[in-house]
């Protein structure tokens, strides 16, 4: 079994996907696999099938369903989600993988340097008003602040690390809900079984990935958040 499975769910923005693939293939660690689930939208024009595993899914599959298929088809002990538009650099995942040496760690949060928020870092998700999903951001100099870190519930679906055995304990990735809600569902479910999340300050990822909440529409996003509120607050 590979130590790491990198799952990159393809989008229709093939340029963003290929930028991410190039950065991953340039800097990936030796003991890993790269899985690209797609809904018939990527035909591998550069012939990378000897370096990546292309997974052809249903044409109607959305990003969350692609993630679920990718996880199911992969074998790594640690699952690393990366959305198209993310760019990594040399040795980017070492700090994150080190956190999994502690058996209670079920997920690790990388720091995201987003184009949309220059000068700030995205640091995973927390529960906001009425228990909804809130993305945490802070200035780089505050990234190691205990006051900031203790608010982090888990990573975003844009970039995340999960222990496979922990995902198995909660029934896997929730493909039935959108990526923008699934990451919160996973974070809450892991917390409920006593699995902890850790912020890897040494793992920085650049991102110009689109915000999933905007892609799916505000009504669906709000409906999913309400369902998650009742599901997890009544458990």
C-alpha atoms as a PDB file:
ATOM      1  CA  UNK A   1       0.000   0.000   0.000  1.00  0.00           C
ATOM      2  CA  UNK A   2       1.283   3.444  -0.922  1.00  0.00           C
ATOM      3  CA  UNK A   3       1.847   5.857   1.912  1.00  0.00           C
ATOM      4  CA  UNK A   4      -0.020   8.660   0.150  1.00  0.00           C
ATOM      5  CA  UNK A   5      -2.851   8.885  -2.380  1.00  0.00           C
ATOM      6  CA  UNK A   6      -3.254  12.295  -4.018  1.00  0.00           C
ATOM      7  CA  UNK A   7      -6.796  12.755  -5.336  1.00  0.00           C
ATOM      8  CA  UNK A   8      -7.334  15.564  -7.863  1.00  0.00           C
ATOM      9  CA  UNK A   9     -10.983  15.661  -8.997  1.00  0.00           C
ATOM     10  CA  UNK A  10     -11.004  17.046 -12.523  1.00  0.00           C
ATOM     11  CA  UNK A  11     -13.014  20.130 -13.396  1.00  0.00           C
ATOM     12  CA  UNK A  12     -13.932  21.551 -16.788  1.00  0.00           C
ATOM     13  CA  UNK A  13     -11.108  24.025 -16.336  1.00  0.00           C
ATOM     14  CA  UNK A  14      -8.447  21.800 -17.874  1.00  0.00           C
ATOM     15  CA  UNK A  15      -5.820  24.522 -17.668  1.00  0.00           C
ATOM     16  CA  UNK A  16      -6.166  24.700 -13.890  1.00  0.00           C
ATOM     17  CA  UNK A  17      -6.142  20.902 -13.662  1.00  0.00           C
ATOM     18  CA  UNK A  18      -2.959  20.602 -15.701  1.00  0.00           C
ATOM     19  CA  UNK A  19      -1.219  23.326 -13.682  1.00  0.00           C
ATOM     20  CA  UNK A  20      -1.973  21.332 -10.551  1.00  0.00           C
ATOM     21  CA  UNK A  21      -0.886  18.052 -12.125  1.00  0.00           C
ATOM     22  CA  UNK A  22       2.419  19.527 -13.315  1.00  0.00           C
ATOM     23  CA  UNK A  23       3.243  20.889  -9.861  1.00  0.00           C
ATOM     24  CA  UNK A  24       2.302  17.586  -8.182  1.00  0.00           C
ATOM     25  CA  UNK A  25       4.222  15.391 -10.625  1.00  0.00           C
ATOM     26  CA  UNK A  26       7.248  17.667 -10.339  1.00  0.00           C
ATOM     27  CA  UNK A  27       7.363  17.586  -6.555  1.00  0.00           C
ATOM     28  CA  UNK A  28       5.532  14.431  -5.444  1.00  0.00           C
ATOM     29  CA  UNK A  29       7.184  12.118  -2.894  1.00  0.00           C
ATOM     30  CA  UNK A  30       8.370   8.682  -3.998  1.00  0.00           C
ATOM     31  CA  UNK A  31       5.805   6.552  -2.177  1.00  0.00           C
ATOM     32  CA  UNK A  32       2.563   7.953  -3.564  1.00  0.00           C
ATOM     33  CA  UNK A  33      -0.060   7.550  -6.252  1.00  0.00           C
ATOM     34  CA  UNK A  34      -1.926  10.278  -8.136  1.00  0.00           C
ATOM     35  CA  UNK A  35      -5.577   9.595  -8.966  1.00  0.00           C
ATOM     36  CA  UNK A  36      -7.606  11.886 -11.252  1.00  0.00           C
ATOM     37  CA  UNK A  37     -11.328  11.046 -11.259  1.00  0.00           C
ATOM     38  CA  UNK A  38     -13.205  12.831 -14.037  1.00  0.00           C
ATOM     39  CA  UNK A  39     -16.699  12.903 -15.527  1.00  0.00           C
ATOM     40  CA  UNK A  40     -15.562  12.288 -19.090  1.00  0.00           C
ATOM     41  CA  UNK A  41     -14.046  15.777 -19.172  1.00  0.00           C
ATOM     42  CA  UNK A  42     -10.340  14.974 -19.430  1.00  0.00           C
ATOM     43  CA  UNK A  43      -8.692  13.054 -22.258  1.00  0.00           C
ATOM     44  CA  UNK A  44      -5.056  13.341 -21.095  1.00  0.00           C
ATOM     45  CA  UNK A  45      -3.646  15.316 -24.056  1.00  0.00           C
ATOM     46  CA  UNK A  46      -0.110  15.093 -22.679  1.00  0.00           C
ATOM     47  CA  UNK A  47      -0.101  11.321 -22.200  1.00  0.00           C
ATOM     48  CA  UNK A  48       0.396  11.214 -18.438  1.00  0.00           C
ATOM     49  CA  UNK A  49      -1.253   7.837 -17.856  1.00  0.00           C
ATOM     50  CA  UNK A  50       2.091   6.300 -16.918  1.00  0.00           C
ATOM     51  CA  UNK A  51       2.316   8.760 -14.009  1.00  0.00           C
ATOM     52  CA  UNK A  52      -1.324   9.202 -12.979  1.00  0.00           C
ATOM     53  CA  UNK A  53      -4.377   6.974 -12.709  1.00  0.00           C
ATOM     54  CA  UNK A  54      -7.281   8.403 -14.714  1.00  0.00           C
ATOM     55  CA  UNK A  55     -10.661   7.330 -13.338  1.00  0.00           C
ATOM     56  CA  UNK A  56     -13.571   7.800 -15.743  1.00  0.00           C
ATOM     57  CA  UNK A  57     -16.770   8.375 -13.717  1.00  0.00           C
ATOM     58  CA  UNK A  58     -20.401   9.062 -14.542  1.00  0.00           C
ATOM     59  CA  UNK A  59     -20.884  12.092 -16.771  1.00  0.00           C
ATOM     60  CA  UNK A  60     -23.205  13.685 -14.187  1.00  0.00           C
ATOM     61  CA  UNK A  61     -20.833  13.249 -11.244  1.00  0.00           C
ATOM     62  CA  UNK A  62     -20.117  16.448  -9.315  1.00  0.00           C
ATOM     63  CA  UNK A  63     -16.896  17.283  -7.466  1.00  0.00           C
ATOM     64  CA  UNK A  64     -17.906  15.506  -4.249  1.00  0.00           C
ATOM     65  CA  UNK A  65     -18.846  12.330  -6.114  1.00  0.00           C
ATOM     66  CA  UNK A  66     -15.532  12.441  -7.965  1.00  0.00           C
ATOM     67  CA  UNK A  67     -13.696  12.719  -4.650  1.00  0.00           C
ATOM     68  CA  UNK A  68     -15.587   9.701  -3.293  1.00  0.00           C
ATOM     69  CA  UNK A  69     -14.784   7.630  -6.389  1.00  0.00           C
ATOM     70  CA  UNK A  70     -11.153   8.671  -6.229  1.00  0.00           C
ATOM     71  CA  UNK A  71     -10.831   7.697  -2.581  1.00  0.00           C
ATOM     72  CA  UNK A  72     -12.497   4.338  -3.203  1.00  0.00           C
ATOM     73  CA  UNK A  73     -10.145   3.593  -6.113  1.00  0.00           C
ATOM     74  CA  UNK A  74      -6.986   4.640  -4.267  1.00  0.00           C
ATOM     75  CA  UNK A  75      -4.905   2.668  -1.786  1.00  0.00           C
ATOM     76  CA  UNK A  76      -2.792   5.088   0.250  1.00  0.00           C
ATOM     77  CA  UNK A  77      -2.782   5.100   4.023  1.00  0.00           C
ATOM     78  CA  UNK A  78      -3.208   8.873   3.830  1.00  0.00           C
ATOM     79  CA  UNK A  79      -5.569  10.541   1.348  1.00  0.00           C
ATOM     80  CA  UNK A  80      -4.633  14.004   0.102  1.00  0.00           C
ATOM     81  CA  UNK A  81      -7.336  16.025  -1.691  1.00  0.00           C
ATOM     82  CA  UNK A  82      -6.265  18.784  -4.065  1.00  0.00           C
ATOM     83  CA  UNK A  83      -8.615  20.841  -6.201  1.00  0.00           C
ATOM     84  CA  UNK A  84      -7.627  22.024  -9.688  1.00  0.00           C
ATOM     85  CA  UNK A  85      -6.007  25.420  -9.260  1.00  0.00           C
ATOM     86  CA  UNK A  86      -3.819  24.345  -6.342  1.00  0.00           C
ATOM     87  CA  UNK A  87      -0.054  24.466  -6.807  1.00  0.00           C
ATOM     88  CA  UNK A  88       2.494  22.728  -4.599  1.00  0.00           C
ATOM     89  CA  UNK A  89       6.228  23.099  -4.125  1.00  0.00           C
ATOM     90  CA  UNK A  90       9.085  20.815  -3.140  1.00  0.00           C
ATOM     91  CA  UNK A  91       8.492  18.676  -0.038  1.00  0.00           C
ATOM     92  CA  UNK A  92       5.083  20.268   0.552  1.00  0.00           C
ATOM     93  CA  UNK A  93       3.463  17.263   2.217  1.00  0.00           C
ATOM     94  CA  UNK A  94       6.230  16.175   4.641  1.00  0.00           C
ATOM     95  CA  UNK A  95       4.986  18.329   7.523  1.00  0.00           C
ATOM     96  CA  UNK A  96       1.436  17.052   7.038  1.00  0.00           C
ATOM     97  CA  UNK A  97       2.463  13.386   6.905  1.00  0.00           C
ATOM     98  CA  UNK A  98       4.495  13.779  10.103  1.00  0.00           C
ATOM     99  CA  UNK A  99       1.332  14.731  11.975  1.00  0.00           C
ATOM    100  CA  UNK A 100      -0.151  11.299  11.260  1.00  0.00           C
ATOM    101  CA  UNK A 101       2.506   9.708  13.443  1.00  0.00           C
ATOM    102  CA  UNK A 102       0.118  10.523  16.275  1.00  0.00           C
ATOM    103  CA  UNK A 103      -2.608   7.841  16.044  1.00  0.00           C
ATOM    104  CA  UNK A 104      -5.374  10.155  17.242  1.00  0.00           C
ATOM    105  CA  UNK A 105      -4.931  12.450  14.221  1.00  0.00           C
ATOM    106  CA  UNK A 106      -7.577  11.780  11.580  1.00  0.00           C
ATOM    107  CA  UNK A 107      -7.096  14.862   9.398  1.00  0.00           C
ATOM    108  CA  UNK A 108      -4.440  17.476   8.769  1.00  0.00           C
ATOM    109  CA  UNK A 109      -5.020  21.037   7.614  1.00  0.00           C
ATOM    110  CA  UNK A 110      -2.540  22.621   5.176  1.00  0.00           C
ATOM    111  CA  UNK A 111      -2.154  26.374   4.897  1.00  0.00           C
ATOM    112  CA  UNK A 112      -3.677  27.781   1.716  1.00  0.00           C
ATOM    113  CA  UNK A 113      -2.235  30.881   0.099  1.00  0.00           C
ATOM    114  CA  UNK A 114      -5.240  32.013  -1.946  1.00  0.00           C
ATOM    115  CA  UNK A 115      -5.088  34.521  -4.777  1.00  0.00           C
ATOM    116  CA  UNK A 116      -8.444  35.897  -3.633  1.00  0.00           C
ATOM    117  CA  UNK A 117      -7.128  36.885  -0.185  1.00  0.00           C
ATOM    118  CA  UNK A 118      -3.576  38.214  -0.639  1.00  0.00           C
ATOM    119  CA  UNK A 119      -1.636  38.596   2.584  1.00  0.00           C
ATOM    120  CA  UNK A 120      -3.816  36.029   4.367  1.00  0.00           C
ATOM    121  CA  UNK A 121      -3.763  32.273   4.812  1.00  0.00           C
ATOM    122  CA  UNK A 122      -6.794  29.984   4.736  1.00  0.00           C
ATOM    123  CA  UNK A 123      -6.633  27.588   7.697  1.00  0.00           C
ATOM    124  CA  UNK A 124      -9.419  25.072   7.255  1.00  0.00           C
ATOM    125  CA  UNK A 125     -12.971  25.296   8.506  1.00  0.00           C
ATOM    126  CA  UNK A 126     -14.822  25.918  11.743  1.00  0.00           C
ATOM    127  CA  UNK A 127     -18.441  26.029  12.821  1.00  0.00           C
ATOM    128  CA  UNK A 128     -19.925  29.452  12.403  1.00  0.00           C
ATOM    129  CA  UNK A 129     -23.227  31.079  13.282  1.00  0.00           C
ATOM    130  CA  UNK A 130     -26.000  28.482  13.785  1.00  0.00           C
ATOM    131  CA  UNK A 131     -23.422  25.733  13.335  1.00  0.00           C
ATOM    132  CA  UNK A 132     -22.792  26.481   9.659  1.00  0.00           C
ATOM    133  CA  UNK A 133     -19.527  26.150   7.772  1.00  0.00           C
ATOM    134  CA  UNK A 134     -17.034  28.965   8.218  1.00  0.00           C
ATOM    135  CA  UNK A 135     -13.660  29.215   6.503  1.00  0.00           C
ATOM    136  CA  UNK A 136     -10.886  30.435   8.769  1.00  0.00           C
ATOM    137  CA  UNK A 137      -8.343  32.987   7.558  1.00  0.00           C
ATOM    138  CA  UNK A 138      -5.565  34.834   9.293  1.00  0.00           C
ATOM    139  CA  UNK A 139      -2.402  36.820   8.648  1.00  0.00           C
ATOM    140  CA  UNK A 140       0.656  34.652   8.055  1.00  0.00           C
ATOM    141  CA  UNK A 141       2.300  35.850  11.273  1.00  0.00           C
ATOM    142  CA  UNK A 142      -0.675  34.500  13.254  1.00  0.00           C
ATOM    143  CA  UNK A 143      -0.750  31.034  11.640  1.00  0.00           C
ATOM    144  CA  UNK A 144       0.862  29.370  14.655  1.00  0.00           C
ATOM    145  CA  UNK A 145      -1.296  31.192  17.198  1.00  0.00           C
ATOM    146  CA  UNK A 146      -3.008  28.802  19.606  1.00  0.00           C
ATOM    147  CA  UNK A 147      -6.063  31.063  19.599  1.00  0.00           C
ATOM    148  CA  UNK A 148      -6.389  30.535  15.852  1.00  0.00           C
ATOM    149  CA  UNK A 149      -5.462  26.832  15.724  1.00  0.00           C
ATOM    150  CA  UNK A 150      -7.912  25.779  18.439  1.00  0.00           C
ATOM    151  CA  UNK A 151     -10.812  27.067  16.315  1.00  0.00           C
ATOM    152  CA  UNK A 152      -9.942  24.753  13.407  1.00  0.00           C
ATOM    153  CA  UNK A 153     -12.359  21.846  13.068  1.00  0.00           C
ATOM    154  CA  UNK A 154     -10.847  20.308   9.927  1.00  0.00           C
ATOM    155  CA  UNK A 155      -9.504  20.977   6.432  1.00  0.00           C
ATOM    156  CA  UNK A 156     -11.456  22.305   3.474  1.00  0.00           C
ATOM    157  CA  UNK A 157     -12.288  20.151   0.469  1.00  0.00           C
ATOM    158  CA  UNK A 158     -10.006  22.394  -1.577  1.00  0.00           C
ATOM    159  CA  UNK A 159      -6.895  20.910   0.060  1.00  0.00           C
ATOM    160  CA  UNK A 160      -6.944  18.298   2.810  1.00  0.00           C
ATOM    161  CA  UNK A 161      -5.179  15.285   4.297  1.00  0.00           C
ATOM    162  CA  UNK A 162      -7.139  12.394   5.853  1.00  0.00           C
ATOM    163  CA  UNK A 163      -6.179   9.115   7.476  1.00  0.00           C
ATOM    164  CA  UNK A 164      -7.889   6.423   5.398  1.00  0.00           C
ATOM    165  CA  UNK A 165      -8.779   4.253   8.381  1.00  0.00           C
ATOM    166  CA  UNK A 166     -10.497   7.251  10.014  1.00  0.00           C
ATOM    167  CA  UNK A 167     -12.565   7.877   6.887  1.00  0.00           C
ATOM    168  CA  UNK A 168     -13.509   4.197   6.865  1.00  0.00           C
ATOM    169  CA  UNK A 169     -14.793   4.477  10.440  1.00  0.00           C
ATOM    170  CA  UNK A 170     -17.266   7.220   9.462  1.00  0.00           C
ATOM    171  CA  UNK A 171     -18.464   5.451   6.321  1.00  0.00           C
ATOM    172  CA  UNK A 172     -16.194   7.152   3.804  1.00  0.00           C
ATOM    173  CA  UNK A 173     -16.608  10.402   1.917  1.00  0.00           C
ATOM    174  CA  UNK A 174     -20.270  11.651   1.787  1.00  0.00           C
ATOM    175  CA  UNK A 175     -20.724  11.778  -1.984  1.00  0.00           C
ATOM    176  CA  UNK A 176     -24.420  12.679  -1.748  1.00  0.00           C
ATOM    177  CA  UNK A 177     -23.689  16.249  -0.655  1.00  0.00           C
ATOM    178  CA  UNK A 178     -21.615  18.945  -2.334  1.00  0.00           C
ATOM    179  CA  UNK A 179     -17.906  19.358  -1.702  1.00  0.00           C
ATOM    180  CA  UNK A 180     -18.541  22.634   0.136  1.00  0.00           C
ATOM    181  CA  UNK A 181     -20.694  20.799   2.687  1.00  0.00           C
ATOM    182  CA  UNK A 182     -18.998  17.398   2.636  1.00  0.00           C
ATOM    183  CA  UNK A 183     -15.799  18.718   4.217  1.00  0.00           C
ATOM    184  CA  UNK A 184     -17.794  20.005   7.197  1.00  0.00           C
ATOM    185  CA  UNK A 185     -19.713  16.735   7.468  1.00  0.00           C
ATOM    186  CA  UNK A 186     -16.443  14.765   7.492  1.00  0.00           C
ATOM    187  CA  UNK A 187     -14.861  17.105  10.056  1.00  0.00           C
ATOM    188  CA  UNK A 188     -17.853  16.796  12.391  1.00  0.00           C
ATOM    189  CA  UNK A 189     -18.096  13.033  11.942  1.00  0.00           C
ATOM    190  CA  UNK A 190     -14.394  12.555  12.708  1.00  0.00           C
ATOM    191  CA  UNK A 191     -14.677  14.758  15.780  1.00  0.00           C
ATOM    192  CA  UNK A 192     -17.645  12.705  17.024  1.00  0.00           C
ATOM    193  CA  UNK A 193     -15.600   9.486  16.991  1.00  0.00           C
ATOM    194  CA  UNK A 194     -12.765  11.166  18.904  1.00  0.00           C
ATOM    195  CA  UNK A 195     -10.490  11.735  15.918  1.00  0.00           C
ATOM    196  CA  UNK A 196      -8.517  14.981  16.010  1.00  0.00           C
ATOM    197  CA  UNK A 197      -7.464  17.470  13.350  1.00  0.00           C
ATOM    198  CA  UNK A 198      -4.041  19.119  13.263  1.00  0.00           C
ATOM    199  CA  UNK A 199      -2.785  22.214  11.454  1.00  0.00           C
ATOM    200  CA  UNK A 200       0.510  21.684   9.594  1.00  0.00           C
ATOM    201  CA  UNK A 201       2.080  25.130   9.564  1.00  0.00           C
ATOM    202  CA  UNK A 202       4.942  23.790   7.438  1.00  0.00           C
ATOM    203  CA  UNK A 203       2.614  22.670   4.639  1.00  0.00           C
ATOM    204  CA  UNK A 204       1.762  25.609   2.389  1.00  0.00           C
ATOM    205  CA  UNK A 205      -0.208  25.274  -0.850  1.00  0.00           C
ATOM    206  CA  UNK A 206      -0.902  28.017  -3.359  1.00  0.00           C
ATOM    207  CA  UNK A 207      -4.457  28.184  -4.641  1.00  0.00           C
ATOM    208  CA  UNK A 208      -6.558  29.992  -7.194  1.00  0.00           C
ATOM    209  CA  UNK A 209      -9.229  27.284  -6.995  1.00  0.00           C
ATOM    210  CA  UNK A 210     -12.823  28.463  -7.238  1.00  0.00           C
ATOM    211  CA  UNK A 211     -14.934  28.546  -4.084  1.00  0.00           C
ATOM    212  CA  UNK A 212     -17.228  25.534  -4.143  1.00  0.00           C
ATOM    213  CA  UNK A 213     -19.996  27.252  -2.191  1.00  0.00           C
ATOM    214  CA  UNK A 214     -20.416  29.775  -4.993  1.00  0.00           C
ATOM    215  CA  UNK A 215     -20.355  27.119  -7.689  1.00  0.00           C
ATOM    216  CA  UNK A 216     -23.247  25.063  -6.303  1.00  0.00           C
ATOM    217  CA  UNK A 217     -25.500  28.019  -5.544  1.00  0.00           C
ATOM    218  CA  UNK A 218     -26.425  29.668  -2.255  1.00  0.00           C
ATOM    219  CA  UNK A 219     -29.813  27.936  -1.860  1.00  0.00           C
ATOM    220  CA  UNK A 220     -28.450  24.396  -2.105  1.00  0.00           C
ATOM    221  CA  UNK A 221     -25.501  25.295   0.105  1.00  0.00           C
ATOM    222  CA  UNK A 222     -27.794  26.768   2.791  1.00  0.00           C
ATOM    223  CA  UNK A 223     -30.085  23.731   2.652  1.00  0.00           C
ATOM    224  CA  UNK A 224     -27.173  21.329   3.086  1.00  0.00           C
ATOM    225  CA  UNK A 225     -25.779  23.355   5.977  1.00  0.00           C
ATOM    226  CA  UNK A 226     -29.136  23.251   7.753  1.00  0.00           C
ATOM    227  CA  UNK A 227     -29.330  19.474   7.330  1.00  0.00           C
ATOM    228  CA  UNK A 228     -25.836  19.087   8.750  1.00  0.00           C
ATOM    229  CA  UNK A 229     -26.774  21.273  11.718  1.00  0.00           C
ATOM    230  CA  UNK A 230     -29.636  18.995  12.693  1.00  0.00           C
ATOM    231  CA  UNK A 231     -27.780  15.804  11.886  1.00  0.00           C
ATOM    232  CA  UNK A 232     -24.782  16.550  14.061  1.00  0.00           C
ATOM    233  CA  UNK A 233     -26.379  18.626  16.813  1.00  0.00           C
ATOM    234  CA  UNK A 234     -28.899  15.888  17.579  1.00  0.00           C
ATOM    235  CA  UNK A 235     -26.407  12.999  17.510  1.00  0.00           C
END
